[in-house]
C-alpha atoms as a PDB file:
ATOM      1  CA  MET A   1       1.895  10.786 -37.020  1.00  0.00           C
ATOM      2  CA  LYS A   2       4.179  10.764 -33.883  1.00  0.00           C
ATOM      3  CA  LYS A   3       6.231   7.730 -33.169  1.00  0.00           C
ATOM      4  CA  THR A   4       5.189   5.603 -30.222  1.00  0.00           C
ATOM      5  CA  ILE A   5       7.944   5.050 -27.610  1.00  0.00           C
ATOM      6  CA  PHE A   6       6.533   1.734 -26.332  1.00  0.00           C
ATOM      7  CA  THR A   7       3.321  -0.253 -26.092  1.00  0.00           C
ATOM      8  CA  GLY A   8       2.665  -2.282 -22.938  1.00  0.00           C
ATOM      9  CA  VAL A   9       4.174  -1.800 -19.595  1.00  0.00           C
ATOM     10  CA  GLY A  10       6.864   0.640 -18.748  1.00  0.00           C
ATOM     11  CA  THR A  11       8.200  -0.111 -15.235  1.00  0.00           C
ATOM     12  CA  ALA A  12       8.667   2.992 -13.012  1.00  0.00           C
ATOM     13  CA  ILE A  13      11.758   1.244 -11.571  1.00  0.00           C
ATOM     14  CA  ALA A  14      12.713   1.557  -7.869  1.00  0.00           C
ATOM     15  CA  THR A  15      16.324   2.534  -7.021  1.00  0.00           C
ATOM     16  CA  PRO A  16      17.771   0.026  -4.663  1.00  0.00           C
ATOM     17  CA  MET A  17      19.848   1.519  -1.811  1.00  0.00           C
ATOM     18  CA  ASN A  18      22.674   0.371   0.418  1.00  0.00           C
ATOM     19  CA  ALA A  19      22.426   0.709   4.225  1.00  0.00           C
ATOM     20  CA  ASP A  20      24.310   3.966   4.104  1.00  0.00           C
ATOM     21  CA  GLY A  21      21.758   5.398   1.603  1.00  0.00           C
ATOM     22  CA  SER A  22      24.030   5.185  -1.454  1.00  0.00           C
ATOM     23  CA  ILE A  23      22.718   3.556  -4.645  1.00  0.00           C
ATOM     24  CA  ASN A  24      23.193  -0.272  -4.779  1.00  0.00           C
ATOM     25  CA  TYR A  25      24.174  -0.598  -8.401  1.00  0.00           C
ATOM     26  CA  ASP A  26      24.698  -4.356  -8.259  1.00  0.00           C
ATOM     27  CA  GLU A  27      21.094  -4.804  -7.137  1.00  0.00           C
ATOM     28  CA  PHE A  28      19.897  -2.109  -9.517  1.00  0.00           C
ATOM     29  CA  GLY A  29      21.364  -4.157 -12.345  1.00  0.00           C
ATOM     30  CA  LYS A  30      19.726  -7.327 -11.013  1.00  0.00           C
ATOM     31  CA  LEU A  31      16.393  -5.502 -10.946  1.00  0.00           C
ATOM     32  CA  ILE A  32      16.832  -4.295 -14.528  1.00  0.00           C
ATOM     33  CA  GLU A  33      17.694  -7.872 -15.746  1.00  0.00           C
ATOM     34  CA  PHE A  34      14.625  -9.221 -13.936  1.00  0.00           C
ATOM     35  CA  GLN A  35      12.436  -6.685 -15.668  1.00  0.00           C
ATOM     36  CA  ILE A  36      13.748  -7.333 -19.169  1.00  0.00           C
ATOM     37  CA  ALA A  37      13.611 -11.135 -18.695  1.00  0.00           C
ATOM     38  CA  ASN A  38       9.998 -10.986 -17.644  1.00  0.00           C
ATOM     39  CA  GLY A  39       8.476  -8.862 -20.301  1.00  0.00           C
ATOM     40  CA  ALA A  40       8.819  -5.207 -19.384  1.00  0.00           C
ATOM     41  CA  ASP A  41       8.502  -3.105 -22.561  1.00  0.00           C
ATOM     42  CA  ALA A  42      10.304  -0.046 -21.242  1.00  0.00           C
ATOM     43  CA  LEU A  43      12.109   1.189 -18.159  1.00  0.00           C
ATOM     44  CA  VAL A  44      11.420   4.548 -16.524  1.00  0.00           C
ATOM     45  CA  VAL A  45      14.509   5.516 -14.404  1.00  0.00           C
ATOM     46  CA  CYS A  46      14.767   8.313 -11.906  1.00  0.00           C
ATOM     47  CA  GLY A  47      11.089   8.954 -11.654  1.00  0.00           C
ATOM     48  CA  THR A  48       8.970   9.236  -8.517  1.00  0.00           C
ATOM     49  CA  THR A  49       9.406   5.621  -7.752  1.00  0.00           C
ATOM     50  CA  GLY A  50      13.142   5.961  -8.391  1.00  0.00           C
ATOM     51  CA  GLU A  51      13.438   8.630  -5.678  1.00  0.00           C
ATOM     52  CA  ALA A  52      14.935  11.225  -8.092  1.00  0.00           C
ATOM     53  CA  SER A  53      13.768  14.010  -5.788  1.00  0.00           C
ATOM     54  CA  THR A  54      16.476  13.101  -3.301  1.00  0.00           C
ATOM     55  CA  MET A  55      19.284  12.671  -5.811  1.00  0.00           C
ATOM     56  CA  PRO A  56      21.837  15.397  -6.419  1.00  0.00           C
ATOM     57  CA  ASP A  57      22.365  15.981 -10.199  1.00  0.00           C
ATOM     58  CA  GLU A  58      25.572  14.051 -10.432  1.00  0.00           C
ATOM     59  CA  GLU A  59      24.066  10.975  -8.859  1.00  0.00           C
ATOM     60  CA  HIS A  60      20.840  11.399 -10.840  1.00  0.00           C
ATOM     61  CA  LEU A  61      22.745  11.348 -14.206  1.00  0.00           C
ATOM     62  CA  GLU A  62      25.005   8.646 -13.029  1.00  0.00           C
ATOM     63  CA  CYS A  63      21.929   6.439 -12.325  1.00  0.00           C
ATOM     64  CA  ILE A  64      20.541   7.197 -15.771  1.00  0.00           C
ATOM     65  CA  GLY A  65      23.872   6.424 -17.480  1.00  0.00           C
ATOM     66  CA  TYR A  66      24.134   3.144 -15.647  1.00  0.00           C
ATOM     67  CA  ALA A  67      20.646   2.125 -16.700  1.00  0.00           C
ATOM     68  CA  VAL A  68      21.379   3.017 -20.319  1.00  0.00           C
ATOM     69  CA  LYS A  69      24.475   0.894 -20.474  1.00  0.00           C
ATOM     70  CA  LYS A  70      22.949  -1.973 -18.651  1.00  0.00           C
ATOM     71  CA  VAL A  71      19.814  -2.127 -20.814  1.00  0.00           C
ATOM     72  CA  ALA A  72      21.979  -1.779 -23.903  1.00  0.00           C
ATOM     73  CA  HIS A  73      19.047  -0.959 -26.301  1.00  0.00           C
ATOM     74  CA  ARG A  74      17.071  -4.076 -25.358  1.00  0.00           C
ATOM     75  CA  VAL A  75      14.065  -1.835 -24.335  1.00  0.00           C
ATOM     76  CA  PRO A  76      13.664   1.986 -24.260  1.00  0.00           C
ATOM     77  CA  VAL A  77      15.064   3.774 -21.267  1.00  0.00           C
ATOM     78  CA  ILE A  78      12.893   6.695 -20.346  1.00  0.00           C
ATOM     79  CA  ALA A  79      14.723   9.149 -17.985  1.00  0.00           C
ATOM     80  CA  GLY A  80      12.862  11.296 -15.489  1.00  0.00           C
ATOM     81  CA  THR A  81      14.387  14.738 -15.834  1.00  0.00           C
ATOM     82  CA  GLY A  82      11.510  16.944 -14.730  1.00  0.00           C
ATOM     83  CA  ALA A  83      12.011  19.893 -12.436  1.00  0.00           C
ATOM     84  CA  ASN A  84      10.168  22.943 -11.031  1.00  0.00           C
ATOM     85  CA  ASP A  85      12.959  25.095 -12.435  1.00  0.00           C
ATOM     86  CA  THR A  86      12.839  25.152 -16.228  1.00  0.00           C
ATOM     87  CA  ALA A  87      16.522  25.906 -16.581  1.00  0.00           C
ATOM     88  CA  HIS A  88      17.388  22.892 -14.309  1.00  0.00           C
ATOM     89  CA  GLY A  89      14.999  20.685 -16.290  1.00  0.00           C
ATOM     90  CA  ILE A  90      16.797  21.720 -19.506  1.00  0.00           C
ATOM     91  CA  ARG A  91      20.251  20.918 -18.018  1.00  0.00           C
ATOM     92  CA  LEU A  92      19.164  17.475 -16.861  1.00  0.00           C
ATOM     93  CA  SER A  93      17.359  16.727 -20.082  1.00  0.00           C
ATOM     94  CA  VAL A  94      20.315  17.687 -22.270  1.00  0.00           C
ATOM     95  CA  ALA A  95      22.647  15.598 -20.209  1.00  0.00           C
ATOM     96  CA  ALA A  96      20.306  12.532 -20.195  1.00  0.00           C
ATOM     97  CA  GLU A  97      20.090  12.686 -23.944  1.00  0.00           C
ATOM     98  CA  LYS A  98      23.848  12.756 -24.121  1.00  0.00           C
ATOM     99  CA  LEU A  99      23.918   9.725 -22.025  1.00  0.00           C
ATOM    100  CA  GLY A 100      21.831   7.771 -24.461  1.00  0.00           C
ATOM    101  CA  ALA A 101      18.278   7.953 -22.926  1.00  0.00           C
ATOM    102  CA  ASP A 102      15.591   7.044 -25.571  1.00  0.00           C
ATOM    103  CA  ALA A 103      13.095   9.458 -24.093  1.00  0.00           C
ATOM    104  CA  LEU A 104      12.300  11.802 -21.218  1.00  0.00           C
ATOM    105  CA  LEU A 105       9.572  11.928 -18.626  1.00  0.00           C
ATOM    106  CA  GLN A 106       8.675  15.491 -17.624  1.00  0.00           C
ATOM    107  CA  VAL A 107       6.506  16.063 -14.580  1.00  0.00           C
ATOM    108  CA  THR A 108       4.511  19.278 -14.012  1.00  0.00           C
ATOM    109  CA  PRO A 109       6.396  21.830 -11.862  1.00  0.00           C
ATOM    110  CA  TYR A 110       5.693  21.316  -8.176  1.00  0.00           C
ATOM    111  CA  TYR A 111       5.532  23.625  -5.239  1.00  0.00           C
ATOM    112  CA  ASN A 112       5.882  26.806  -7.273  1.00  0.00           C
ATOM    113  CA  LYS A 113       3.481  25.099  -9.768  1.00  0.00           C
ATOM    114  CA  ALA A 114       2.614  27.220 -12.952  1.00  0.00           C
ATOM    115  CA  SER A 115      -0.235  28.763 -14.850  1.00  0.00           C
ATOM    116  CA  GLN A 116      -1.470  26.865 -17.811  1.00  0.00           C
ATOM    117  CA  ARG A 117       0.388  29.422 -19.953  1.00  0.00           C
ATOM    118  CA  GLY A 118       3.449  28.818 -17.921  1.00  0.00           C
ATOM    119  CA  LEU A 119       3.130  25.061 -18.409  1.00  0.00           C
ATOM    120  CA  VAL A 120       3.183  25.511 -22.206  1.00  0.00           C
ATOM    121  CA  LYS A 121       6.308  27.659 -21.944  1.00  0.00           C
ATOM    122  CA  HIS A 122       7.971  25.333 -19.552  1.00  0.00           C
ATOM    123  CA  PHE A 123       7.464  22.114 -21.474  1.00  0.00           C
ATOM    124  CA  THR A 124       8.138  23.680 -24.821  1.00  0.00           C
ATOM    125  CA  ALA A 125      11.429  25.107 -23.651  1.00  0.00           C
ATOM    126  CA  ILE A 126      12.570  21.674 -22.440  1.00  0.00           C
ATOM    127  CA  ALA A 127      11.297  19.893 -25.557  1.00  0.00           C
ATOM    128  CA  ASN A 128      13.108  22.430 -27.840  1.00  0.00           C
ATOM    129  CA  SER A 129      16.415  21.694 -25.864  1.00  0.00           C
ATOM    130  CA  VAL A 130      16.646  18.073 -27.008  1.00  0.00           C
ATOM    131  CA  LYS A 131      15.808  15.926 -29.951  1.00  0.00           C
ATOM    132  CA  ILE A 132      14.550  12.799 -28.088  1.00  0.00           C
ATOM    133  CA  PRO A 133      10.852  12.240 -27.485  1.00  0.00           C
ATOM    134  CA  ILE A 134       9.091  13.490 -24.314  1.00  0.00           C
ATOM    135  CA  ILE A 135       6.313  12.073 -22.200  1.00  0.00           C
ATOM    136  CA  LEU A 136       4.455  14.557 -20.092  1.00  0.00           C
ATOM    137  CA  TYR A 137       3.572  13.526 -16.600  1.00  0.00           C
ATOM    138  CA  ASN A 138       0.367  14.814 -15.058  1.00  0.00           C
ATOM    139  CA  VAL A 139       0.064  13.922 -11.363  1.00  0.00           C
ATOM    140  CA  PRO A 140      -1.688  16.747  -9.555  1.00  0.00           C
ATOM    141  CA  SER A 141      -2.052  14.833  -6.383  1.00  0.00           C
ATOM    142  CA  ARG A 142       1.696  15.120  -5.847  1.00  0.00           C
ATOM    143  CA  THR A 143       2.477  18.334  -7.636  1.00  0.00           C
ATOM    144  CA  GLY A 144      -0.651  20.512  -7.091  1.00  0.00           C
ATOM    145  CA  CYS A 145      -0.505  21.328 -10.794  1.00  0.00           C
ATOM    146  CA  ASN A 146      -2.850  19.841 -13.401  1.00  0.00           C
ATOM    147  CA  ILE A 147      -2.578  19.982 -17.141  1.00  0.00           C
ATOM    148  CA  SER A 148      -5.804  21.189 -18.766  1.00  0.00           C
ATOM    149  CA  ILE A 149      -7.159  19.942 -22.071  1.00  0.00           C
ATOM    150  CA  ASP A 150      -6.403  23.265 -23.800  1.00  0.00           C
ATOM    151  CA  THR A 151      -2.838  23.091 -22.530  1.00  0.00           C
ATOM    152  CA  TYR A 152      -2.534  19.446 -23.829  1.00  0.00           C
ATOM    153  CA  LYS A 153      -3.708  20.715 -27.260  1.00  0.00           C
ATOM    154  CA  GLU A 154      -1.081  23.359 -27.379  1.00  0.00           C
ATOM    155  CA  LEU A 155       1.651  20.955 -26.206  1.00  0.00           C
ATOM    156  CA  ALA A 156       0.657  18.254 -28.770  1.00  0.00           C
ATOM    157  CA  LYS A 157       1.734  20.813 -31.453  1.00  0.00           C
ATOM    158  CA  VAL A 158       5.459  20.420 -30.186  1.00  0.00           C
ATOM    159  CA  PRO A 159       6.981  17.781 -32.560  1.00  0.00           C
ATOM    160  CA  ASN A 160       8.894  15.747 -29.866  1.00  0.00           C
ATOM    161  CA  ILE A 161       6.130  15.905 -27.193  1.00  0.00           C
ATOM    162  CA  VAL A 162       4.611  12.553 -28.022  1.00  0.00           C
ATOM    163  CA  ALA A 163       2.866  11.150 -25.019  1.00  0.00           C
ATOM    164  CA  THR A 164       1.487  11.689 -21.617  1.00  0.00           C
ATOM    165  CA  LYS A 165       1.552   9.630 -18.379  1.00  0.00           C
ATOM    166  CA  GLU A 166      -1.959  10.479 -17.023  1.00  0.00           C
ATOM    167  CA  ALA A 167      -2.143  10.067 -13.265  1.00  0.00           C
ATOM    168  CA  SER A 168      -4.804  12.565 -12.554  1.00  0.00           C
ATOM    169  CA  GLY A 169      -7.433   9.779 -12.234  1.00  0.00           C
ATOM    170  CA  ASN A 170      -9.779  11.955 -14.352  1.00  0.00           C
ATOM    171  CA  MET A 171     -11.091   9.662 -17.198  1.00  0.00           C
ATOM    172  CA  SER A 172     -12.992  12.588 -18.654  1.00  0.00           C
ATOM    173  CA  LEU A 173      -9.661  14.304 -19.181  1.00  0.00           C
ATOM    174  CA  ALA A 174      -8.111  11.194 -20.636  1.00  0.00           C
ATOM    175  CA  ALA A 175     -11.081  10.949 -23.056  1.00  0.00           C
ATOM    176  CA  GLU A 176     -10.491  14.463 -24.236  1.00  0.00           C
ATOM    177  CA  ILE A 177      -6.771  13.897 -24.781  1.00  0.00           C
ATOM    178  CA  ALA A 178      -7.703  10.894 -26.909  1.00  0.00           C
ATOM    179  CA  ALA A 179     -10.291  12.795 -28.857  1.00  0.00           C
ATOM    180  CA  TYR A 180      -8.478  16.027 -29.360  1.00  0.00           C
ATOM    181  CA  THR A 181      -4.783  15.320 -29.623  1.00  0.00           C
ATOM    182  CA  ASP A 182      -2.449  12.849 -31.181  1.00  0.00           C
ATOM    183  CA  LEU A 183      -0.620  12.165 -27.972  1.00  0.00           C
ATOM    184  CA  ASP A 184      -0.121   8.638 -26.825  1.00  0.00           C
ATOM    185  CA  ILE A 185      -1.595   7.974 -23.377  1.00  0.00           C
ATOM    186  CA  TYR A 186      -0.115   5.805 -20.587  1.00  0.00           C
ATOM    187  CA  SER A 187      -1.958   5.198 -17.467  1.00  0.00           C
ATOM    188  CA  GLY A 188      -0.153   6.501 -14.486  1.00  0.00           C
ATOM    189  CA  ASN A 189      -2.205   4.456 -12.041  1.00  0.00           C
ATOM    190  CA  ASP A 190      -1.982   0.665 -11.984  1.00  0.00           C
ATOM    191  CA  ASP A 191      -5.574   0.190 -11.225  1.00  0.00           C
ATOM    192  CA  GLN A 192      -6.772   2.365 -14.179  1.00  0.00           C
ATOM    193  CA  VAL A 193      -5.197   0.433 -17.051  1.00  0.00           C
ATOM    194  CA  MET A 194      -8.411  -0.895 -18.421  1.00  0.00           C
ATOM    195  CA  PRO A 195     -10.207   2.402 -18.815  1.00  0.00           C
ATOM    196  CA  ILE A 196      -7.151   4.096 -20.326  1.00  0.00           C
ATOM    197  CA  LEU A 197      -6.715   1.165 -22.810  1.00  0.00           C
ATOM    198  CA  SER A 198     -10.397   1.444 -23.696  1.00  0.00           C
ATOM    199  CA  LEU A 199      -9.826   5.011 -24.817  1.00  0.00           C
ATOM    200  CA  GLY A 200      -6.962   3.896 -27.134  1.00  0.00           C
ATOM    201  CA  GLY A 201      -4.128   4.192 -24.546  1.00  0.00           C
ATOM    202  CA  LYS A 202      -0.828   2.518 -25.299  1.00  0.00           C
ATOM    203  CA  GLY A 203      -0.272   1.010 -21.828  1.00  0.00           C
ATOM    204  CA  VAL A 204       0.873   1.800 -18.320  1.00  0.00           C
ATOM    205  CA  ILE A 205       3.796   3.282 -16.501  1.00  0.00           C
ATOM    206  CA  SER A 206       3.698   0.899 -13.601  1.00  0.00           C
ATOM    207  CA  VAL A 207       4.773   0.589  -9.981  1.00  0.00           C
ATOM    208  CA  THR A 208       3.359  -2.941  -9.717  1.00  0.00           C
ATOM    209  CA  SER A 209       5.491  -4.250 -12.504  1.00  0.00           C
ATOM    210  CA  ASN A 210       8.642  -3.818 -10.289  1.00  0.00           C
ATOM    211  CA  LEU A 211       7.470  -7.172  -8.946  1.00  0.00           C
ATOM    212  CA  MET A 212       5.089  -8.463 -11.673  1.00  0.00           C
ATOM    213  CA  PRO A 213       6.325  -7.275 -15.058  1.00  0.00           C
ATOM    214  CA  LYS A 214       4.917 -10.290 -16.912  1.00  0.00           C
ATOM    215  CA  GLU A 215       1.454  -9.835 -15.543  1.00  0.00           C
ATOM    216  CA  LYS A 216       1.268  -6.240 -16.330  1.00  0.00           C
ATOM    217  CA  HIS A 217       2.686  -6.815 -19.829  1.00  0.00           C
ATOM    218  CA  ASP A 218       0.094  -9.616 -20.362  1.00  0.00           C
ATOM    219  CA  GLU A 219      -2.742  -7.432 -19.095  1.00  0.00           C
ATOM    220  CA  VAL A 220      -2.077  -4.876 -21.799  1.00  0.00           C
ATOM    221  CA  ALA A 221      -1.328  -7.428 -24.531  1.00  0.00           C
ATOM    222  CA  LEU A 222      -4.443  -9.446 -23.870  1.00  0.00           C
ATOM    223  CA  PHE A 223      -6.692  -6.423 -23.865  1.00  0.00           C
ATOM    224  CA  ASN A 224      -5.110  -5.191 -27.108  1.00  0.00           C
ATOM    225  CA  ALA A 225      -5.668  -8.634 -28.647  1.00  0.00           C
ATOM    226  CA  GLY A 226      -9.331  -8.357 -27.929  1.00  0.00           C
ATOM    227  CA  LYS A 227      -9.254 -10.721 -24.915  1.00  0.00           C
ATOM    228  CA  GLN A 228     -10.691  -8.230 -22.456  1.00  0.00           C
ATOM    229  CA  ALA A 229     -12.061 -10.844 -20.026  1.00  0.00           C
ATOM    230  CA  GLU A 230      -8.629 -12.451 -19.674  1.00  0.00           C
ATOM    231  CA  ALA A 231      -7.042  -9.058 -19.136  1.00  0.00           C
ATOM    232  CA  LEU A 232      -9.616  -8.218 -16.560  1.00  0.00           C
ATOM    233  CA  ALA A 233      -8.946 -11.551 -14.808  1.00  0.00           C
ATOM    234  CA  ILE A 234      -5.333 -10.553 -14.370  1.00  0.00           C
ATOM    235  CA  GLN A 235      -6.317  -7.191 -12.908  1.00  0.00           C
ATOM    236  CA  ALA A 236      -8.770  -8.786 -10.448  1.00  0.00           C
ATOM    237  CA  LYS A 237      -6.118 -11.356  -9.393  1.00  0.00           C
ATOM    238  CA  ILE A 238      -3.473  -8.726  -8.470  1.00  0.00           C
ATOM    239  CA  LEU A 239      -5.795  -5.770  -7.511  1.00  0.00           C
ATOM    240  CA  ALA A 240      -5.506  -6.206  -3.711  1.00  0.00           C
ATOM    241  CA  PHE A 241      -1.798  -6.223  -4.110  1.00  0.00           C
ATOM    242  CA  GLU A 242      -1.852  -3.181  -6.367  1.00  0.00           C
ATOM    243  CA  LYS A 243      -3.918  -1.312  -3.705  1.00  0.00           C
ATOM    244  CA  ALA A 244      -1.504  -2.287  -0.924  1.00  0.00           C
ATOM    245  CA  LEU A 245       1.361  -0.861  -2.877  1.00  0.00           C
ATOM    246  CA  PHE A 246      -0.183   2.569  -2.278  1.00  0.00           C
ATOM    247  CA  MET A 247      -1.182   2.235   1.371  1.00  0.00           C
ATOM    248  CA  ASP A 248       1.734   4.621   2.107  1.00  0.00           C
ATOM    249  CA  VAL A 249       3.643   7.156   0.090  1.00  0.00           C
ATOM    250  CA  ASN A 250       5.136   5.719  -3.080  1.00  0.00           C
ATOM    251  CA  PRO A 251       7.841   4.305  -3.198  1.00  0.00           C
ATOM    252  CA  ILE A 252       7.807   3.196   0.384  1.00  0.00           C
ATOM    253  CA  PRO A 253       5.630   0.137  -0.042  1.00  0.00           C
ATOM    254  CA  VAL A 254       7.141  -1.107  -3.350  1.00  0.00           C
ATOM    255  CA  LYS A 255      10.620  -1.009  -1.953  1.00  0.00           C
ATOM    256  CA  GLU A 256       9.358  -2.991   1.042  1.00  0.00           C
ATOM    257  CA  ALA A 257       7.639  -5.416  -1.259  1.00  0.00           C
ATOM    258  CA  LEU A 258      10.832  -5.961  -3.309  1.00  0.00           C
ATOM    259  CA  ASN A 259      12.647  -6.646   0.004  1.00  0.00           C
ATOM    260  CA  ILE A 260      10.004  -9.219   0.896  1.00  0.00           C
ATOM    261  CA  MET A 261      10.268 -10.735  -2.595  1.00  0.00           C
ATOM    262  CA  GLY A 262      14.035 -11.208  -2.064  1.00  0.00           C
ATOM    263  CA  PHE A 263      15.625  -8.229  -3.659  1.00  0.00           C
ATOM    264  CA  LYS A 264      17.921  -5.981  -1.638  1.00  0.00           C
ATOM    265  CA  ALA A 265      16.018  -2.772  -2.291  1.00  0.00           C
ATOM    266  CA  GLY A 266      16.887  -1.249   1.006  1.00  0.00           C
ATOM    267  CA  GLU A 267      14.939   1.638   2.475  1.00  0.00           C
ATOM    268  CA  CYS A 268      13.809   4.988   1.013  1.00  0.00           C
ATOM    269  CA  ARG A 269      15.831   8.176   1.685  1.00  0.00           C
ATOM    270  CA  LEU A 270      14.349  10.624   4.161  1.00  0.00           C
ATOM    271  CA  PRO A 271      11.905  12.188   4.436  1.00  0.00           C
ATOM    272  CA  LEU A 272      10.319   8.952   3.320  1.00  0.00           C
ATOM    273  CA  CYS A 273      10.611   6.320   6.083  1.00  0.00           C
ATOM    274  CA  SER A 274       9.582   2.714   6.617  1.00  0.00           C
ATOM    275  CA  MET A 275       6.057   1.491   7.135  1.00  0.00           C
ATOM    276  CA  SER A 276       4.711   0.293  10.411  1.00  0.00           C
ATOM    277  CA  ASP A 277       5.029  -3.416  11.277  1.00  0.00           C
ATOM    278  CA  GLU A 278       1.231  -3.652  10.865  1.00  0.00           C
ATOM    279  CA  GLN A 279       1.457  -2.177   7.335  1.00  0.00           C
ATOM    280  CA  ILE A 280       4.293  -4.563   6.382  1.00  0.00           C
ATOM    281  CA  ALA A 281       2.193  -7.559   7.589  1.00  0.00           C
ATOM    282  CA  LYS A 282      -0.739  -6.408   5.513  1.00  0.00           C
ATOM    283  CA  LEU A 283       1.460  -5.898   2.447  1.00  0.00           C
ATOM    284  CA  ARG A 284       2.942  -9.442   2.905  1.00  0.00           C
ATOM    285  CA  SER A 285      -0.571 -10.908   3.200  1.00  0.00           C
ATOM    286  CA  THR A 286      -1.479  -9.652  -0.323  1.00  0.00           C
ATOM    287  CA  MET A 287       1.818 -10.962  -1.722  1.00  0.00           C
ATOM    288  CA  GLU A 288       1.499 -14.481  -0.337  1.00  0.00           C
ATOM    289  CA  PRO A 289      -1.363 -15.631  -2.572  1.00  0.00           C
ATOM    290  CA  LEU A 290       0.590 -14.408  -5.637  1.00  0.00           C
ATOM    291  CA  GLY A 291       3.655 -16.360  -4.764  1.00  0.00           C
ATOM    292  CA  LEU A 292       5.768 -13.285  -4.423  1.00  0.00           C
ATOM    293  CA  VAL A 293       7.162 -13.790  -0.905  1.00  0.00           C
ATOM    294  CA  GLY A 294      10.790 -14.947  -1.208  1.00  0.00           C
ATOM    295  CA  ALA A 295      10.368 -15.436  -4.971  1.00  0.00           C
ATOM    296  CA  ILE A 296      13.815 -14.088  -5.720  1.00  0.00           C
ATOM    297  CA  LYS A 297      16.664 -16.222  -4.300  1.00  0.00           C
END
């Protein structure tokens, strides 16, 4: 039986930026403390939401190292070290392990993609380079590369590949993973937590929890306690906001939402750019009923 990294909500944490585009570590620390104080069960740093794709390796690893030290073992720190170059992914993964990351998030190769056979070789090579556990990340809408159930079966044989972040939106695939492998499943989509949990999933790696970690934690905890109606009530309450967080390319809306909330998240690095005034107004309108506007002083 493979060891579960976390149960509940793992926040795919945004990386606050200064006006010059550098990382605002003071605000990053503030956001980390907010997460832990409000029930986040794990933190995923330098993932899609953390803008790792625009970070040079030195900065990428500096960000991981800062998070590890700041968290100080209070919750697991899961480092995004995926790459579309296997050798590059190995270098990042080995370095993140040395920095003290508790686990790694490995996205499918993007742009060059890979055959299913190539995916097995890619993920196995990275897993064999480290001792810490690995969460696969299947998000074909961003990478153009999907993990098939046969590939999941092969990868589940690798001892330290222990889980998957399933963001394909394909519940049939999620059901097959649950039925035919011993991998833990985390929803990679905030609005699909309930169906993933109903299949035995362990929780969600969440964008929404950047702003509402307690609610997303409670959503999972209530469901797991057999209080499905109460869990669904939380989802219904925040669903419009969750949808608004994806009206533009992630993490553009979530960083704007953090700014509206009172954090100094700054803007995304190019090629991601700010939303229109109309979009910002719509986002704010979904935050107001939840008491999120200006909630951080």
